[in-house]
């Protein structure tokens, strides 16, 4: 019950945040804001044109699965058999060789 209340509080906070940012589409008449914020049409200074790489540090979060997969094989031959790719160990060896020998031309 505490977890449910906590999640409902987070949903309510998200809704307030979305309304403040103008990202909320009301479904009911009581949700309509009588004075919507003005639209900034023609403001080209802040357009994201994907003009290349990012010079400053990018901060982000990555969340991995909470439950690991159990009983997976640990070596290339067994992983290849598990995935039904019998040549996987050879492919891994070739990949690692190419990565460590970048001065050679490979077909």
PDB file of N, CA and C in Angstrom:
ATOM      1  N   UNK A   1       0.824  -1.178   0.000  1.00  0.00           N
ATOM      2  CA  UNK A   1       0.000   0.000   0.000  1.00  0.00           C
ATOM      3  C   UNK A   1       0.880   1.259   0.000  1.00  0.00           C
ATOM      4  N   UNK A   2       1.968   1.226   0.741  1.00  0.00           N
ATOM      5  CA  UNK A   2       2.881   2.365   0.747  1.00  0.00           C
ATOM      6  C   UNK A   2       3.521   2.568  -0.624  1.00  0.00           C
ATOM      7  N   UNK A   3       3.844   1.462  -1.278  1.00  0.00           N
ATOM      8  CA  UNK A   3       4.431   1.549  -2.610  1.00  0.00           C
ATOM      9  C   UNK A   3       3.438   2.141  -3.605  1.00  0.00           C
ATOM     10  N   UNK A   4       2.177   1.759  -3.490  1.00  0.00           N
ATOM     11  CA  UNK A   4       1.143   2.311  -4.372  1.00  0.00           C
ATOM     12  C   UNK A   4       1.000   3.812  -4.150  1.00  0.00           C
ATOM     13  N   UNK A   5       0.969   4.243  -2.888  1.00  0.00           N
ATOM     14  CA  UNK A   5       0.868   5.672  -2.602  1.00  0.00           C
ATOM     15  C   UNK A   5       2.083   6.429  -3.113  1.00  0.00           C
ATOM     16  N   UNK A   6       3.246   5.832  -2.983  1.00  0.00           N
ATOM     17  CA  UNK A   6       4.465   6.467  -3.465  1.00  0.00           C
ATOM     18  C   UNK A   6       4.410   6.642  -4.987  1.00  0.00           C
ATOM     19  N   UNK A   7       3.939   5.631  -5.676  1.00  0.00           N
ATOM     20  CA  UNK A   7       3.839   5.718  -7.136  1.00  0.00           C
ATOM     21  C   UNK A   7       2.787   6.731  -7.566  1.00  0.00           C
ATOM     22  N   UNK A   8       1.684   6.794  -6.850  1.00  0.00           N
ATOM     23  CA  UNK A   8       0.659   7.790  -7.169  1.00  0.00           C
ATOM     24  C   UNK A   8       1.190   9.204  -6.949  1.00  0.00           C
ATOM     25  N   UNK A   9       1.980   9.408  -5.898  1.00  0.00           N
ATOM     26  CA  UNK A   9       2.590  10.716  -5.667  1.00  0.00           C
ATOM     27  C   UNK A   9       3.548  11.084  -6.799  1.00  0.00           C
ATOM     28  N   UNK A  10       4.312  10.107  -7.276  1.00  0.00           N
ATOM     29  CA  UNK A  10       5.236  10.366  -8.384  1.00  0.00           C
ATOM     30  C   UNK A  10       4.476  10.695  -9.666  1.00  0.00           C
ATOM     31  N   UNK A  11       3.360  10.002  -9.905  1.00  0.00           N
ATOM     32  CA  UNK A  11       2.546  10.306 -11.078  1.00  0.00           C
ATOM     33  C   UNK A  11       1.959  11.709 -10.995  1.00  0.00           C
ATOM     34  N   UNK A  12       1.501  12.096  -9.809  1.00  0.00           N
ATOM     35  CA  UNK A  12       0.949  13.438  -9.631  1.00  0.00           C
ATOM     36  C   UNK A  12       2.028  14.494  -9.849  1.00  0.00           C
ATOM     37  N   UNK A  13       3.226  14.250  -9.346  1.00  0.00           N
ATOM     38  CA  UNK A  13       4.324  15.194  -9.535  1.00  0.00           C
ATOM     39  C   UNK A  13       4.707  15.289 -11.009  1.00  0.00           C
ATOM     40  N   UNK A  14       4.716  14.164 -11.700  1.00  0.00           N
ATOM     41  CA  UNK A  14       5.025  14.168 -13.127  1.00  0.00           C
ATOM     42  C   UNK A  14       3.972  14.940 -13.907  1.00  0.00           C
ATOM     43  N   UNK A  15       2.718  14.791 -13.516  1.00  0.00           N
ATOM     44  CA  UNK A  15       1.640  15.503 -14.200  1.00  0.00           C
ATOM     45  C   UNK A  15       1.797  17.015 -14.038  1.00  0.00           C
ATOM     46  N   UNK A  16       2.135  17.459 -12.824  1.00  0.00           N
ATOM     47  CA  UNK A  16       2.359  18.883 -12.587  1.00  0.00           C
ATOM     48  C   UNK A  16       3.532  19.377 -13.414  1.00  0.00           C
ATOM     49  N   UNK A  17       4.599  18.592 -13.465  1.00  0.00           N
ATOM     50  CA  UNK A  17       5.774  18.962 -14.245  1.00  0.00           C
ATOM     51  C   UNK A  17       5.442  19.039 -15.730  1.00  0.00           C
ATOM     52  N   UNK A  18       4.694  18.057 -16.236  1.00  0.00           N
ATOM     53  CA  UNK A  18       4.312  18.066 -17.652  1.00  0.00           C
ATOM     54  C   UNK A  18       3.444  19.262 -17.976  1.00  0.00           C
ATOM     55  N   UNK A  19       2.520  19.620 -17.081  1.00  0.00           N
ATOM     56  CA  UNK A  19       1.676  20.793 -17.309  1.00  0.00           C
ATOM     57  C   UNK A  19       2.526  22.053 -17.347  1.00  0.00           C
ATOM     58  N   UNK A  20       3.514  22.163 -16.447  1.00  0.00           N
ATOM     59  CA  UNK A  20       4.372  23.343 -16.411  1.00  0.00           C
ATOM     60  C   UNK A  20       5.218  23.465 -17.678  1.00  0.00           C
ATOM     61  N   UNK A  21       5.596  22.351 -18.266  1.00  0.00           N
ATOM     62  CA  UNK A  21       6.408  22.363 -19.487  1.00  0.00           C
ATOM     63  C   UNK A  21       5.571  22.427 -20.761  1.00  0.00           C
ATOM     64  N   UNK A  22       4.249  22.373 -20.626  1.00  0.00           N
ATOM     65  CA  UNK A  22       3.387  22.409 -21.799  1.00  0.00           C
ATOM     66  C   UNK A  22       3.320  21.095 -22.546  1.00  0.00           C
ATOM     67  N   UNK A  23       3.632  19.990 -21.873  1.00  0.00           N
ATOM     68  CA  UNK A  23       3.641  18.673 -22.512  1.00  0.00           C
ATOM     69  C   UNK A  23       2.393  17.863 -22.183  1.00  0.00           C
ATOM     70  N   UNK A  24       1.476  18.441 -21.476  1.00  0.00           N
ATOM     71  CA  UNK A  24       0.304  17.701 -21.011  1.00  0.00           C
ATOM     72  C   UNK A  24      -0.879  17.982 -21.917  1.00  0.00           C
ATOM     73  N   UNK A  25      -1.483  16.944 -22.454  1.00  0.00           N
ATOM     74  CA  UNK A  25      -2.686  17.067 -23.272  1.00  0.00           C
ATOM     75  C   UNK A  25      -3.882  16.705 -22.398  1.00  0.00           C
ATOM     76  N   UNK A  26      -4.740  17.671 -22.028  1.00  0.00           N
ATOM     77  CA  UNK A  26      -5.853  17.373 -21.120  1.00  0.00           C
ATOM     78  C   UNK A  26      -6.879  16.447 -21.751  1.00  0.00           C
ATOM     79  N   UNK A  27      -7.409  15.539 -20.935  1.00  0.00           N
ATOM     80  CA  UNK A  27      -8.456  14.631 -21.386  1.00  0.00           C
ATOM     81  C   UNK A  27      -9.814  15.055 -20.865  1.00  0.00           C
ATOM     82  N   UNK A  28      -9.828  15.844 -19.802  1.00  0.00           N
ATOM     83  CA  UNK A  28     -11.074  16.231 -19.171  1.00  0.00           C
ATOM     84  C   UNK A  28     -11.148  17.752 -19.090  1.00  0.00           C
ATOM     85  N   UNK A  29     -12.363  18.328 -19.135  1.00  0.00           N
ATOM     86  CA  UNK A  29     -12.493  19.788 -19.128  1.00  0.00           C
ATOM     87  C   UNK A  29     -11.868  20.459 -17.913  1.00  0.00           C
ATOM     88  N   UNK A  30     -11.855  19.811 -16.767  1.00  0.00           N
ATOM     89  CA  UNK A  30     -11.279  20.442 -15.580  1.00  0.00           C
ATOM     90  C   UNK A  30      -9.756  20.537 -15.655  1.00  0.00           C
ATOM     91  N   UNK A  31      -9.148  19.820 -16.601  1.00  0.00           N
ATOM     92  CA  UNK A  31      -7.704  19.869 -16.755  1.00  0.00           C
ATOM     93  C   UNK A  31      -7.245  20.986 -17.686  1.00  0.00           C
ATOM     94  N   UNK A  32      -8.170  21.664 -18.349  1.00  0.00           N
ATOM     95  CA  UNK A  32      -7.809  22.690 -19.320  1.00  0.00           C
ATOM     96  C   UNK A  32      -7.383  23.957 -18.583  1.00  0.00           C
ATOM     97  N   UNK A  33      -6.225  24.484 -18.944  1.00  0.00           N
ATOM     98  CA  UNK A  33      -5.712  25.714 -18.350  1.00  0.00           C
ATOM     99  C   UNK A  33      -6.363  26.897 -19.062  1.00  0.00           C
ATOM    100  N   UNK A  34      -7.037  27.813 -18.337  1.00  0.00           N
ATOM    101  CA  UNK A  34      -7.724  28.911 -19.006  1.00  0.00           C
ATOM    102  C   UNK A  34      -6.766  29.881 -19.685  1.00  0.00           C
ATOM    103  N   UNK A  35      -5.523  29.997 -19.203  1.00  0.00           N
ATOM    104  CA  UNK A  35      -4.537  30.887 -19.802  1.00  0.00           C
ATOM    105  C   UNK A  35      -3.334  30.089 -20.254  1.00  0.00           C
ATOM    106  N   UNK A  36      -3.381  29.497 -21.458  1.00  0.00           N
ATOM    107  CA  UNK A  36      -2.242  28.694 -21.905  1.00  0.00           C
ATOM    108  C   UNK A  36      -1.029  29.585 -22.148  1.00  0.00           C
ATOM    109  N   UNK A  37       0.178  29.046 -22.009  1.00  0.00           N
ATOM    110  CA  UNK A  37       1.376  29.845 -22.251  1.00  0.00           C
ATOM    111  C   UNK A  37       1.485  30.203 -23.729  1.00  0.00           C
ATOM    112  N   UNK A  38       2.094  31.341 -24.051  1.00  0.00           N
ATOM    113  CA  UNK A  38       2.221  31.742 -25.461  1.00  0.00           C
ATOM    114  C   UNK A  38       3.180  30.816 -26.198  1.00  0.00           C
ATOM    115  N   UNK A  39       2.889  30.612 -27.472  1.00  0.00           N
ATOM    116  CA  UNK A  39       3.756  29.784 -28.307  1.00  0.00           C
ATOM    117  C   UNK A  39       4.877  30.632 -28.869  1.00  0.00           C
ATOM    118  N   UNK A  40       6.062  30.072 -28.947  1.00  0.00           N
ATOM    119  CA  UNK A  40       7.216  30.781 -29.501  1.00  0.00           C
ATOM    120  C   UNK A  40       7.427  30.281 -30.929  1.00  0.00           C
ATOM    121  N   UNK A  41       6.684  30.824 -31.852  1.00  0.00           N
ATOM    122  CA  UNK A  41       6.776  30.417 -33.257  1.00  0.00           C
ATOM    123  C   UNK A  41       7.868  31.245 -33.922  1.00  0.00           C
ATOM    124  N   UNK A  42       8.699  30.576 -34.691  1.00  0.00           N
ATOM    125  CA  UNK A  42       9.747  31.267 -35.422  1.00  0.00           C
ATOM    126  C   UNK A  42      11.011  31.489 -34.608  1.00  0.00           C
ATOM    127  N   UNK A  43      11.123  30.882 -33.458  1.00  0.00           N
ATOM    128  CA  UNK A  43      12.316  31.001 -32.641  1.00  0.00           C
ATOM    129  C   UNK A  43      13.333  29.965 -33.113  1.00  0.00           C
ATOM    130  N   UNK A  44      14.160  30.350 -34.108  1.00  0.00           N
ATOM    131  CA  UNK A  44      15.100  29.414 -34.718  1.00  0.00           C
ATOM    132  C   UNK A  44      16.424  29.322 -33.976  1.00  0.00           C
ATOM    133  N   UNK A  45      16.632  30.169 -32.966  1.00  0.00           N
ATOM    134  CA  UNK A  45      17.910  30.163 -32.269  1.00  0.00           C
ATOM    135  C   UNK A  45      18.122  28.898 -31.448  1.00  0.00           C
ATOM    136  N   UNK A  46      17.046  28.271 -31.003  1.00  0.00           N
ATOM    137  CA  UNK A  46      17.164  27.106 -30.128  1.00  0.00           C
ATOM    138  C   UNK A  46      16.867  25.795 -30.834  1.00  0.00           C
ATOM    139  N   UNK A  47      16.805  25.802 -32.155  1.00  0.00           N
ATOM    140  CA  UNK A  47      16.515  24.574 -32.889  1.00  0.00           C
ATOM    141  C   UNK A  47      17.677  23.611 -32.789  1.00  0.00           C
ATOM    142  N   UNK A  48      17.363  22.343 -32.615  1.00  0.00           N
ATOM    143  CA  UNK A  48      18.376  21.315 -32.565  1.00  0.00           C
ATOM    144  C   UNK A  48      18.556  20.781 -33.975  1.00  0.00           C
ATOM    145  N   UNK A  49      19.609  21.205 -34.647  1.00  0.00           N
ATOM    146  CA  UNK A  49      19.808  20.819 -36.037  1.00  0.00           C
ATOM    147  C   UNK A  49      20.798  19.685 -36.194  1.00  0.00           C
ATOM    148  N   UNK A  50      21.204  19.061 -35.089  1.00  0.00           N
ATOM    149  CA  UNK A  50      22.166  17.970 -35.119  1.00  0.00           C
ATOM    150  C   UNK A  50      23.399  18.393 -35.895  1.00  0.00           C
ATOM    151  N   UNK A  51      23.986  19.496 -35.463  1.00  0.00           N
ATOM    152  CA  UNK A  51      25.105  20.092 -36.157  1.00  0.00           C
ATOM    153  C   UNK A  51      26.448  19.462 -35.891  1.00  0.00           C
ATOM    154  N   UNK A  52      26.486  18.265 -35.380  1.00  0.00           N
ATOM    155  CA  UNK A  52      27.768  17.622 -35.176  1.00  0.00           C
ATOM    156  C   UNK A  52      27.901  17.055 -33.778  1.00  0.00           C
ATOM    157  N   UNK A  53      29.141  16.834 -33.397  1.00  0.00           N
ATOM    158  CA  UNK A  53      29.428  16.235 -32.110  1.00  0.00           C
ATOM    159  C   UNK A  53      29.186  17.190 -30.956  1.00  0.00           C
ATOM    160  N   UNK A  54      29.184  16.633 -29.774  1.00  0.00           N
ATOM    161  CA  UNK A  54      28.983  17.406 -28.563  1.00  0.00           C
ATOM    162  C   UNK A  54      30.334  17.642 -27.920  1.00  0.00           C
ATOM    163  N   UNK A  55      30.637  18.910 -27.617  1.00  0.00           N
ATOM    164  CA  UNK A  55      31.930  19.243 -27.044  1.00  0.00           C
ATOM    165  C   UNK A  55      31.957  19.103 -25.526  1.00  0.00           C
ATOM    166  N   UNK A  56      30.824  19.362 -24.887  1.00  0.00           N
ATOM    167  CA  UNK A  56      30.801  19.277 -23.434  1.00  0.00           C
ATOM    168  C   UNK A  56      30.492  17.849 -22.985  1.00  0.00           C
ATOM    169  N   UNK A  57      30.704  17.609 -21.707  1.00  0.00           N
ATOM    170  CA  UNK A  57      30.472  16.276 -21.146  1.00  0.00           C
ATOM    171  C   UNK A  57      28.984  15.954 -21.140  1.00  0.00           C
ATOM    172  N   UNK A  58      28.648  14.755 -21.570  1.00  0.00           N
ATOM    173  CA  UNK A  58      27.261  14.299 -21.582  1.00  0.00           C
ATOM    174  C   UNK A  58      27.043  13.438 -20.354  1.00  0.00           C
ATOM    175  N   UNK A  59      26.035  13.789 -19.578  1.00  0.00           N
ATOM    176  CA  UNK A  59      25.723  13.036 -18.371  1.00  0.00           C
ATOM    177  C   UNK A  59      24.443  12.251 -18.628  1.00  0.00           C
ATOM    178  N   UNK A  60      24.470  10.976 -18.395  1.00  0.00           N
ATOM    179  CA  UNK A  60      23.297  10.142 -18.616  1.00  0.00           C
ATOM    180  C   UNK A  60      23.307   8.951 -17.683  1.00  0.00           C
ATOM    181  N   UNK A  61      22.171   8.345 -17.569  1.00  0.00           N
ATOM    182  CA  UNK A  61      22.021   7.179 -16.712  1.00  0.00           C
ATOM    183  C   UNK A  61      21.646   5.976 -17.557  1.00  0.00           C
ATOM    184  N   UNK A  62      22.224   4.842 -17.241  1.00  0.00           N
ATOM    185  CA  UNK A  62      21.895   3.582 -17.898  1.00  0.00           C
ATOM    186  C   UNK A  62      21.452   2.620 -16.811  1.00  0.00           C
ATOM    187  N   UNK A  63      20.276   2.074 -16.990  1.00  0.00           N
ATOM    188  CA  UNK A  63      19.744   1.117 -16.031  1.00  0.00           C
ATOM    189  C   UNK A  63      19.705  -0.257 -16.668  1.00  0.00           C
ATOM    190  N   UNK A  64      20.418  -1.189 -16.088  1.00  0.00           N
ATOM    191  CA  UNK A  64      20.457  -2.544 -16.607  1.00  0.00           C
ATOM    192  C   UNK A  64      19.365  -3.383 -15.966  1.00  0.00           C
ATOM    193  N   UNK A  65      19.164  -4.559 -16.506  1.00  0.00           N
ATOM    194  CA  UNK A  65      18.152  -5.458 -15.975  1.00  0.00           C
ATOM    195  C   UNK A  65      18.459  -5.779 -14.514  1.00  0.00           C
ATOM    196  N   UNK A  66      17.438  -5.855 -13.712  1.00  0.00           N
ATOM    197  CA  UNK A  66      17.617  -6.114 -12.294  1.00  0.00           C
ATOM    198  C   UNK A  66      17.905  -7.582 -12.010  1.00  0.00           C
ATOM    199  N   UNK A  67      17.429  -8.477 -12.870  1.00  0.00           N
ATOM    200  CA  UNK A  67      17.616  -9.915 -12.655  1.00  0.00           C
ATOM    201  C   UNK A  67      18.528 -10.471 -13.741  1.00  0.00           C
ATOM    202  N   UNK A  68      19.690 -10.971 -13.376  1.00  0.00           N
ATOM    203  CA  UNK A  68      20.571 -11.556 -14.389  1.00  0.00           C
ATOM    204  C   UNK A  68      19.998 -12.864 -14.922  1.00  0.00           C
ATOM    205  N   UNK A  69      20.392 -13.195 -16.141  1.00  0.00           N
ATOM    206  CA  UNK A  69      19.984 -14.464 -16.732  1.00  0.00           C
ATOM    207  C   UNK A  69      20.899 -15.542 -16.178  1.00  0.00           C
ATOM    208  N   UNK A  70      20.330 -16.583 -15.672  1.00  0.00           N
ATOM    209  CA  UNK A  70      21.091 -17.653 -15.015  1.00  0.00           C
ATOM    210  C   UNK A  70      21.501 -18.741 -16.007  1.00  0.00           C
ATOM    211  N   UNK A  71      22.569 -19.436 -15.682  1.00  0.00           N
ATOM    212  CA  UNK A  71      23.031 -20.638 -16.380  1.00  0.00           C
ATOM    213  C   UNK A  71      23.402 -20.395 -17.838  1.00  0.00           C
ATOM    214  N   UNK A  72      23.964 -19.235 -18.146  1.00  0.00           N
ATOM    215  CA  UNK A  72      24.459 -19.004 -19.498  1.00  0.00           C
ATOM    216  C   UNK A  72      25.884 -19.525 -19.602  1.00  0.00           C
ATOM    217  N   UNK A  73      26.264 -20.069 -20.756  1.00  0.00           N
ATOM    218  CA  UNK A  73      27.639 -20.549 -20.925  1.00  0.00           C
ATOM    219  C   UNK A  73      28.627 -19.390 -20.886  1.00  0.00           C
ATOM    220  N   UNK A  74      29.884 -19.695 -20.555  1.00  0.00           N
ATOM    221  CA  UNK A  74      30.883 -18.655 -20.368  1.00  0.00           C
ATOM    222  C   UNK A  74      31.938 -18.595 -21.469  1.00  0.00           C
ATOM    223  N   UNK A  75      32.093 -19.631 -22.283  1.00  0.00           N
ATOM    224  CA  UNK A  75      33.098 -19.559 -23.341  1.00  0.00           C
ATOM    225  C   UNK A  75      32.428 -19.508 -24.716  1.00  0.00           C
ATOM    226  N   UNK A  76      33.240 -19.116 -25.722  1.00  0.00           N
ATOM    227  CA  UNK A  76      32.708 -18.881 -27.059  1.00  0.00           C
ATOM    228  C   UNK A  76      32.052 -20.086 -27.702  1.00  0.00           C
ATOM    229  N   UNK A  77      32.655 -21.259 -27.557  1.00  0.00           N
ATOM    230  CA  UNK A  77      32.098 -22.464 -28.181  1.00  0.00           C
ATOM    231  C   UNK A  77      30.742 -22.811 -27.579  1.00  0.00           C
ATOM    232  N   UNK A  78      30.636 -22.731 -26.260  1.00  0.00           N
ATOM    233  CA  UNK A  78      29.363 -23.072 -25.609  1.00  0.00           C
ATOM    234  C   UNK A  78      28.288 -22.014 -25.857  1.00  0.00           C
ATOM    235  N   UNK A  79      28.699 -20.738 -25.924  1.00  0.00           N
ATOM    236  CA  UNK A  79      27.727 -19.687 -26.248  1.00  0.00           C
ATOM    237  C   UNK A  79      27.228 -19.886 -27.674  1.00  0.00           C
ATOM    238  N   UNK A  80      28.139 -20.244 -28.586  1.00  0.00           N
ATOM    239  CA  UNK A  80      27.734 -20.520 -29.970  1.00  0.00           C
ATOM    240  C   UNK A  80      26.740 -21.657 -30.050  1.00  0.00           C
ATOM    241  N   UNK A  81      26.969 -22.709 -29.289  1.00  0.00           N
ATOM    242  CA  UNK A  81      26.025 -23.827 -29.272  1.00  0.00           C
ATOM    243  C   UNK A  81      24.689 -23.394 -28.661  1.00  0.00           C
ATOM    244  N   UNK A  82      24.737 -22.580 -27.604  1.00  0.00           N
ATOM    245  CA  UNK A  82      23.514 -22.108 -26.943  1.00  0.00           C
ATOM    246  C   UNK A  82      22.681 -21.229 -27.877  1.00  0.00           C
ATOM    247  N   UNK A  83      23.367 -20.389 -28.688  1.00  0.00           N
ATOM    248  CA  UNK A  83      22.671 -19.482 -29.613  1.00  0.00           C
ATOM    249  C   UNK A  83      22.453 -20.087 -30.999  1.00  0.00           C
ATOM    250  N   UNK A  84      22.883 -21.317 -31.194  1.00  0.00           N
ATOM    251  CA  UNK A  84      22.770 -22.010 -32.486  1.00  0.00           C
ATOM    252  C   UNK A  84      23.575 -21.291 -33.568  1.00  0.00           C
ATOM    253  N   UNK A  85      24.776 -20.827 -33.200  1.00  0.00           N
ATOM    254  CA  UNK A  85      25.715 -20.211 -34.138  1.00  0.00           C
ATOM    255  C   UNK A  85      27.041 -20.950 -33.943  1.00  0.00           C
ATOM    256  N   UNK A  86      27.227 -22.074 -34.651  1.00  0.00           N
ATOM    257  CA  UNK A  86      28.404 -22.913 -34.390  1.00  0.00           C
ATOM    258  C   UNK A  86      29.736 -22.228 -34.690  1.00  0.00           C
ATOM    259  N   UNK A  87      29.777 -21.254 -35.586  1.00  0.00           N
ATOM    260  CA  UNK A  87      31.031 -20.584 -35.935  1.00  0.00           C
ATOM    261  C   UNK A  87      31.290 -19.350 -35.059  1.00  0.00           C
ATOM    262  N   UNK A  88      30.583 -19.188 -33.964  1.00  0.00           N
ATOM    263  CA  UNK A  88      30.718 -17.993 -33.126  1.00  0.00           C
ATOM    264  C   UNK A  88      32.125 -17.850 -32.549  1.00  0.00           C
ATOM    265  N   UNK A  89      32.730 -18.922 -32.089  1.00  0.00           N
ATOM    266  CA  UNK A  89      34.072 -18.824 -31.514  1.00  0.00           C
ATOM    267  C   UNK A  89      35.071 -18.343 -32.561  1.00  0.00           C
ATOM    268  N   UNK A  90      34.955 -18.843 -33.793  1.00  0.00           N
ATOM    269  CA  UNK A  90      35.841 -18.392 -34.872  1.00  0.00           C
ATOM    270  C   UNK A  90      35.587 -16.921 -35.196  1.00  0.00           C
ATOM    271  N   UNK A  91      34.333 -16.503 -35.210  1.00  0.00           N
ATOM    272  CA  UNK A  91      34.004 -15.099 -35.488  1.00  0.00           C
ATOM    273  C   UNK A  91      34.548 -14.174 -34.400  1.00  0.00           C
ATOM    274  N   UNK A  92      34.467 -14.595 -33.164  1.00  0.00           N
ATOM    275  CA  UNK A  92      35.012 -13.802 -32.053  1.00  0.00           C
ATOM    276  C   UNK A  92      36.529 -13.687 -32.197  1.00  0.00           C
ATOM    277  N   UNK A  93      37.189 -14.790 -32.527  1.00  0.00           N
ATOM    278  CA  UNK A  93      38.650 -14.769 -32.694  1.00  0.00           C
ATOM    279  C   UNK A  93      39.051 -13.827 -33.819  1.00  0.00           C
ATOM    280  N   UNK A  94      38.339 -13.875 -34.947  1.00  0.00           N
ATOM    281  CA  UNK A  94      38.648 -12.986 -36.071  1.00  0.00           C
ATOM    282  C   UNK A  94      38.420 -11.522 -35.697  1.00  0.00           C
ATOM    283  N   UNK A  95      37.329 -11.257 -35.001  1.00  0.00           N
ATOM    284  CA  UNK A  95      37.035  -9.890 -34.577  1.00  0.00           C
ATOM    285  C   UNK A  95      38.141  -9.354 -33.680  1.00  0.00           C
ATOM    286  N   UNK A  96      38.544 -10.134 -32.691  1.00  0.00           N
ATOM    287  CA  UNK A  96      39.588  -9.686 -31.774  1.00  0.00           C
ATOM    288  C   UNK A  96      40.922  -9.497 -32.495  1.00  0.00           C
ATOM    289  N   UNK A  97      41.232 -10.370 -33.441  1.00  0.00           N
ATOM    290  CA  UNK A  97      42.464 -10.231 -34.207  1.00  0.00           C
ATOM    291  C   UNK A  97      42.438  -8.950 -35.033  1.00  0.00           C
ATOM    292  N   UNK A  98      41.306  -8.667 -35.693  1.00  0.00           N
ATOM    293  CA  UNK A  98      41.187  -7.453 -36.497  1.00  0.00           C
ATOM    294  C   UNK A  98      41.259  -6.197 -35.629  1.00  0.00           C
ATOM    295  N   UNK A  99      40.709  -6.256 -34.432  1.00  0.00           N
ATOM    296  CA  UNK A  99      40.756  -5.102 -33.543  1.00  0.00           C
ATOM    297  C   UNK A  99      42.171  -4.826 -33.050  1.00  0.00           C
ATOM    298  N   UNK A 100      42.953  -5.870 -32.837  1.00  0.00           N
ATOM    299  CA  UNK A 100      44.304  -5.671 -32.336  1.00  0.00           C
ATOM    300  C   UNK A 100      45.312  -5.433 -33.459  1.00  0.00           C
ATOM    301  N   UNK A 101      44.962  -5.712 -34.711  1.00  0.00           N
ATOM    302  CA  UNK A 101      45.853  -5.514 -35.865  1.00  0.00           C
ATOM    303  C   UNK A 101      45.181  -4.587 -36.856  1.00  0.00           C
ATOM    304  N   UNK A 102      45.093  -3.320 -36.501  1.00  0.00           N
ATOM    305  CA  UNK A 102      44.377  -2.359 -37.348  1.00  0.00           C
ATOM    306  C   UNK A 102      45.186  -1.951 -38.567  1.00  0.00           C
ATOM    307  N   UNK A 103      46.498  -2.234 -38.596  1.00  0.00           N
ATOM    308  CA  UNK A 103      47.330  -1.836 -39.730  1.00  0.00           C
ATOM    309  C   UNK A 103      47.208  -2.797 -40.918  1.00  0.00           C
ATOM    310  N   UNK A 104      46.584  -3.947 -40.770  1.00  0.00           N
ATOM    311  CA  UNK A 104      46.439  -4.928 -41.844  1.00  0.00           C
ATOM    312  C   UNK A 104      45.122  -4.712 -42.584  1.00  0.00           C
ATOM    313  N   UNK A 105      45.123  -5.052 -43.882  1.00  0.00           N
ATOM    314  CA  UNK A 105      43.886  -5.008 -44.676  1.00  0.00           C
ATOM    315  C   UNK A 105      43.234  -6.364 -44.623  1.00  0.00           C
ATOM    316  N   UNK A 106      41.958  -6.372 -44.265  1.00  0.00           N
ATOM    317  CA  UNK A 106      41.200  -7.614 -44.185  1.00  0.00           C
ATOM    318  C   UNK A 106      40.103  -7.609 -45.224  1.00  0.00           C
ATOM    319  N   UNK A 107      39.798  -8.782 -45.769  1.00  0.00           N
ATOM    320  CA  UNK A 107      38.717  -8.833 -46.774  1.00  0.00           C
ATOM    321  C   UNK A 107      37.353  -8.602 -46.176  1.00  0.00           C
TER     322      UNK A 107
END
